[in-house]
């Protein structure tokens, strides 16, 4: 399972679609279920949430083999402090 944050954005969508086209399982993370629907129709699993929601985002990454995480530097979320960890 590949987890893609910002899956409804310009870069995240391309990453998710490319993985799906290669037959990979994708969990697409976005804040709006309707915007995730085109990826669901292509086979993605939708996860509605924000990267700022700690416990929710932890669930989104469960079972992930790899993740694509991009937070644009001009995003309001980029100014928030984030904790990192590795498993």
N, C-alpha and C. Protein backbone atom coordinates (compact mmCIF):
# COMPACT_ATOMS: atom_id res chain seq x y z
N UNK A 1 0.84 -1.18 0.00
CA UNK A 1 0.00 0.00 0.00
C UNK A 1 0.88 1.24 0.00
N UNK A 2 0.61 2.13 -0.94
CA UNK A 2 1.30 3.40 -1.02
C UNK A 2 0.34 4.49 -0.54
N UNK A 3 0.80 5.34 0.34
CA UNK A 3 -0.02 6.43 0.85
C UNK A 3 0.45 7.72 0.19
N UNK A 4 -0.51 8.48 -0.32
CA UNK A 4 -0.19 9.74 -1.00
C UNK A 4 -0.95 10.86 -0.32
N UNK A 5 -0.22 11.79 0.28
CA UNK A 5 -0.86 12.97 0.87
C UNK A 5 -1.10 13.99 -0.24
N UNK A 6 -2.06 14.85 -0.02
CA UNK A 6 -2.36 15.87 -1.03
C UNK A 6 -2.74 15.26 -2.36
N UNK A 7 -3.45 14.15 -2.31
CA UNK A 7 -3.75 13.38 -3.52
C UNK A 7 -4.67 14.11 -4.49
N UNK A 8 -5.30 15.18 -4.05
CA UNK A 8 -6.15 15.94 -4.96
C UNK A 8 -5.43 17.14 -5.56
N UNK A 9 -4.19 17.35 -5.16
CA UNK A 9 -3.41 18.47 -5.69
C UNK A 9 -2.72 18.12 -6.99
N UNK A 10 -2.03 19.08 -7.55
CA UNK A 10 -1.37 18.88 -8.85
C UNK A 10 -0.35 17.76 -8.83
N UNK A 11 0.52 17.74 -7.85
CA UNK A 11 1.57 16.73 -7.79
C UNK A 11 1.06 15.42 -7.22
N UNK A 12 0.34 15.48 -6.11
CA UNK A 12 -0.16 14.27 -5.48
C UNK A 12 -1.06 13.45 -6.39
N UNK A 13 -1.90 14.12 -7.16
CA UNK A 13 -2.79 13.42 -8.08
C UNK A 13 -1.99 12.63 -9.12
N UNK A 14 -0.96 13.26 -9.68
CA UNK A 14 -0.14 12.58 -10.69
C UNK A 14 0.55 11.37 -10.07
N UNK A 15 1.07 11.52 -8.88
CA UNK A 15 1.73 10.39 -8.19
C UNK A 15 0.73 9.26 -7.99
N UNK A 16 -0.45 9.57 -7.45
CA UNK A 16 -1.46 8.54 -7.19
C UNK A 16 -1.89 7.86 -8.48
N UNK A 17 -2.16 8.63 -9.52
CA UNK A 17 -2.59 8.05 -10.79
C UNK A 17 -1.51 7.17 -11.41
N UNK A 18 -0.26 7.58 -11.29
CA UNK A 18 0.85 6.79 -11.83
C UNK A 18 0.96 5.46 -11.10
N UNK A 19 0.87 5.49 -9.78
CA UNK A 19 0.93 4.25 -9.01
C UNK A 19 -0.24 3.34 -9.35
N UNK A 20 -1.43 3.89 -9.45
CA UNK A 20 -2.61 3.09 -9.79
C UNK A 20 -2.46 2.47 -11.18
N UNK A 21 -1.93 3.23 -12.13
CA UNK A 21 -1.73 2.72 -13.49
C UNK A 21 -0.75 1.56 -13.52
N UNK A 22 0.15 1.52 -12.54
CA UNK A 22 1.13 0.43 -12.44
C UNK A 22 0.59 -0.73 -11.60
N UNK A 23 -0.68 -0.65 -11.22
CA UNK A 23 -1.31 -1.73 -10.47
C UNK A 23 -1.02 -1.73 -8.98
N UNK A 24 -0.51 -0.63 -8.47
CA UNK A 24 -0.20 -0.53 -7.04
C UNK A 24 -1.45 -0.16 -6.25
N UNK A 25 -1.50 -0.60 -5.00
CA UNK A 25 -2.57 -0.19 -4.10
C UNK A 25 -2.22 1.19 -3.56
N UNK A 26 -3.18 2.08 -3.59
CA UNK A 26 -2.96 3.46 -3.18
C UNK A 26 -4.02 3.89 -2.18
N UNK A 27 -3.57 4.51 -1.09
CA UNK A 27 -4.47 5.19 -0.16
C UNK A 27 -4.26 6.68 -0.40
N UNK A 28 -5.27 7.33 -0.92
CA UNK A 28 -5.18 8.74 -1.28
C UNK A 28 -5.74 9.59 -0.14
N UNK A 29 -4.92 10.49 0.37
CA UNK A 29 -5.34 11.36 1.47
C UNK A 29 -5.68 12.74 0.93
N UNK A 30 -6.83 13.23 1.34
CA UNK A 30 -7.26 14.57 0.96
C UNK A 30 -8.29 15.07 1.95
N UNK A 31 -8.55 16.35 1.92
CA UNK A 31 -9.50 16.94 2.88
C UNK A 31 -10.94 16.91 2.38
N UNK A 32 -11.15 16.57 1.11
CA UNK A 32 -12.49 16.63 0.53
C UNK A 32 -12.80 15.32 -0.17
N UNK A 33 -13.82 14.61 0.31
CA UNK A 33 -14.18 13.30 -0.25
C UNK A 33 -14.58 13.39 -1.72
N UNK A 34 -15.28 14.45 -2.09
CA UNK A 34 -15.69 14.60 -3.49
C UNK A 34 -14.49 14.74 -4.41
N UNK A 35 -13.48 15.45 -3.95
CA UNK A 35 -12.29 15.64 -4.78
C UNK A 35 -11.48 14.35 -4.90
N UNK A 36 -11.62 13.45 -3.93
CA UNK A 36 -10.93 12.15 -3.99
C UNK A 36 -11.64 11.15 -4.89
N UNK A 37 -12.90 11.40 -5.19
CA UNK A 37 -13.72 10.43 -5.93
C UNK A 37 -13.11 9.99 -7.27
N UNK A 38 -12.53 10.87 -8.09
CA UNK A 38 -11.93 10.40 -9.34
C UNK A 38 -10.83 9.36 -9.12
N UNK A 39 -10.09 9.48 -8.02
CA UNK A 39 -9.05 8.49 -7.72
C UNK A 39 -9.68 7.19 -7.23
N UNK A 40 -10.75 7.29 -6.47
CA UNK A 40 -11.47 6.10 -6.01
C UNK A 40 -11.97 5.32 -7.22
N UNK A 41 -12.49 6.03 -8.21
CA UNK A 41 -13.00 5.39 -9.43
C UNK A 41 -11.89 4.67 -10.19
N UNK A 42 -10.65 5.07 -9.96
CA UNK A 42 -9.50 4.41 -10.60
C UNK A 42 -8.90 3.32 -9.73
N UNK A 43 -9.49 3.12 -8.53
CA UNK A 43 -9.05 2.02 -7.67
C UNK A 43 -8.39 2.41 -6.37
N UNK A 44 -8.27 3.69 -6.10
CA UNK A 44 -7.63 4.13 -4.85
C UNK A 44 -8.59 3.97 -3.67
N UNK A 45 -8.01 3.85 -2.50
CA UNK A 45 -8.76 3.90 -1.25
C UNK A 45 -8.69 5.34 -0.76
N UNK A 46 -9.83 5.95 -0.52
CA UNK A 46 -9.85 7.34 -0.06
C UNK A 46 -9.70 7.40 1.45
N UNK A 47 -8.95 8.39 1.90
CA UNK A 47 -8.85 8.70 3.32
C UNK A 47 -9.04 10.20 3.46
N UNK A 48 -10.15 10.58 4.05
CA UNK A 48 -10.44 12.00 4.21
C UNK A 48 -9.85 12.47 5.53
N UNK A 49 -8.96 13.45 5.44
CA UNK A 49 -8.31 13.98 6.63
C UNK A 49 -7.25 14.99 6.24
N UNK A 50 -6.65 15.57 7.25
CA UNK A 50 -5.61 16.57 7.06
C UNK A 50 -4.32 16.09 7.71
N UNK A 51 -3.20 16.48 7.12
CA UNK A 51 -1.90 16.10 7.69
C UNK A 51 -1.68 16.71 9.06
N UNK A 52 -2.53 17.64 9.45
CA UNK A 52 -2.39 18.26 10.77
C UNK A 52 -3.15 17.51 11.86
N UNK A 53 -3.92 16.51 11.49
CA UNK A 53 -4.70 15.73 12.45
C UNK A 53 -3.90 14.50 12.85
N UNK A 54 -3.13 14.61 13.91
CA UNK A 54 -2.18 13.58 14.32
C UNK A 54 -2.71 12.16 14.38
N UNK A 55 -3.75 11.92 15.16
CA UNK A 55 -4.23 10.54 15.32
C UNK A 55 -4.87 10.03 14.04
N UNK A 56 -5.56 10.89 13.32
CA UNK A 56 -6.18 10.47 12.07
C UNK A 56 -5.12 10.13 11.04
N UNK A 57 -4.12 10.96 10.94
CA UNK A 57 -3.09 10.72 9.92
C UNK A 57 -2.27 9.48 10.27
N UNK A 58 -2.12 9.20 11.55
CA UNK A 58 -1.42 7.97 11.96
C UNK A 58 -2.18 6.75 11.44
N UNK A 59 -3.50 6.78 11.52
CA UNK A 59 -4.31 5.68 10.97
C UNK A 59 -4.14 5.58 9.46
N UNK A 60 -4.05 6.71 8.80
CA UNK A 60 -3.91 6.71 7.34
C UNK A 60 -2.63 6.01 6.89
N UNK A 61 -1.60 6.08 7.71
CA UNK A 61 -0.32 5.49 7.34
C UNK A 61 -0.17 4.04 7.78
N UNK A 62 -1.13 3.51 8.51
CA UNK A 62 -1.04 2.11 8.96
C UNK A 62 -1.02 1.19 7.74
N UNK A 63 -0.08 0.26 7.77
CA UNK A 63 0.04 -0.72 6.70
C UNK A 63 0.72 -0.20 5.45
N UNK A 64 1.24 1.00 5.50
CA UNK A 64 1.88 1.58 4.31
C UNK A 64 3.24 0.95 4.05
N UNK A 65 3.49 0.66 2.80
CA UNK A 65 4.80 0.19 2.36
C UNK A 65 5.70 1.40 2.09
N UNK A 66 5.08 2.45 1.57
CA UNK A 66 5.80 3.68 1.26
C UNK A 66 4.81 4.83 1.27
N UNK A 67 5.34 6.04 1.35
CA UNK A 67 4.46 7.21 1.38
C UNK A 67 5.08 8.34 0.57
N UNK A 68 4.20 9.10 -0.05
CA UNK A 68 4.60 10.33 -0.72
C UNK A 68 3.97 11.46 0.07
N UNK A 69 4.81 12.27 0.67
CA UNK A 69 4.33 13.36 1.53
C UNK A 69 4.92 14.66 1.01
N UNK A 70 4.04 15.56 0.64
CA UNK A 70 4.48 16.86 0.16
C UNK A 70 3.62 17.93 0.79
N UNK A 71 4.25 18.86 1.44
CA UNK A 71 3.55 20.02 1.98
C UNK A 71 4.23 21.24 1.35
N UNK A 72 3.55 21.91 0.44
CA UNK A 72 4.16 23.05 -0.24
C UNK A 72 4.63 24.10 0.75
N UNK A 73 5.76 24.73 0.49
CA UNK A 73 6.30 25.71 1.43
C UNK A 73 5.40 26.92 1.64
N UNK A 74 4.53 27.22 0.69
CA UNK A 74 3.63 28.37 0.85
C UNK A 74 2.29 27.98 1.48
N UNK A 75 2.16 26.73 1.86
CA UNK A 75 0.93 26.25 2.50
C UNK A 75 0.87 26.74 3.94
N UNK A 76 -0.34 27.04 4.43
CA UNK A 76 -0.45 27.43 5.85
C UNK A 76 -0.01 26.30 6.78
N UNK A 77 -0.09 25.05 6.30
CA UNK A 77 0.32 23.92 7.12
C UNK A 77 1.84 23.85 7.28
N UNK A 78 2.58 24.40 6.34
CA UNK A 78 4.04 24.34 6.40
C UNK A 78 4.58 25.15 7.57
N UNK A 79 3.83 26.10 8.03
CA UNK A 79 4.28 26.95 9.13
C UNK A 79 4.06 26.30 10.49
N UNK A 80 3.33 25.20 10.52
CA UNK A 80 3.08 24.50 11.77
C UNK A 80 4.23 23.54 12.05
N UNK A 81 4.48 23.31 13.30
CA UNK A 81 5.53 22.36 13.66
C UNK A 81 5.06 20.94 13.47
N UNK A 82 5.90 20.09 12.91
CA UNK A 82 5.55 18.69 12.72
C UNK A 82 6.57 17.82 13.43
N UNK A 83 6.08 16.76 13.99
CA UNK A 83 6.93 15.78 14.64
C UNK A 83 7.17 14.66 13.63
N UNK A 84 8.39 14.19 13.55
CA UNK A 84 8.69 13.09 12.63
C UNK A 84 9.10 11.87 13.42
N UNK A 85 8.85 10.72 12.85
CA UNK A 85 9.29 9.48 13.46
C UNK A 85 9.46 8.45 12.37
N UNK A 86 10.22 7.44 12.66
CA UNK A 86 10.40 6.35 11.70
C UNK A 86 10.02 5.05 12.38
N UNK A 87 9.61 4.10 11.57
CA UNK A 87 9.20 2.80 12.12
C UNK A 87 10.17 1.73 11.72
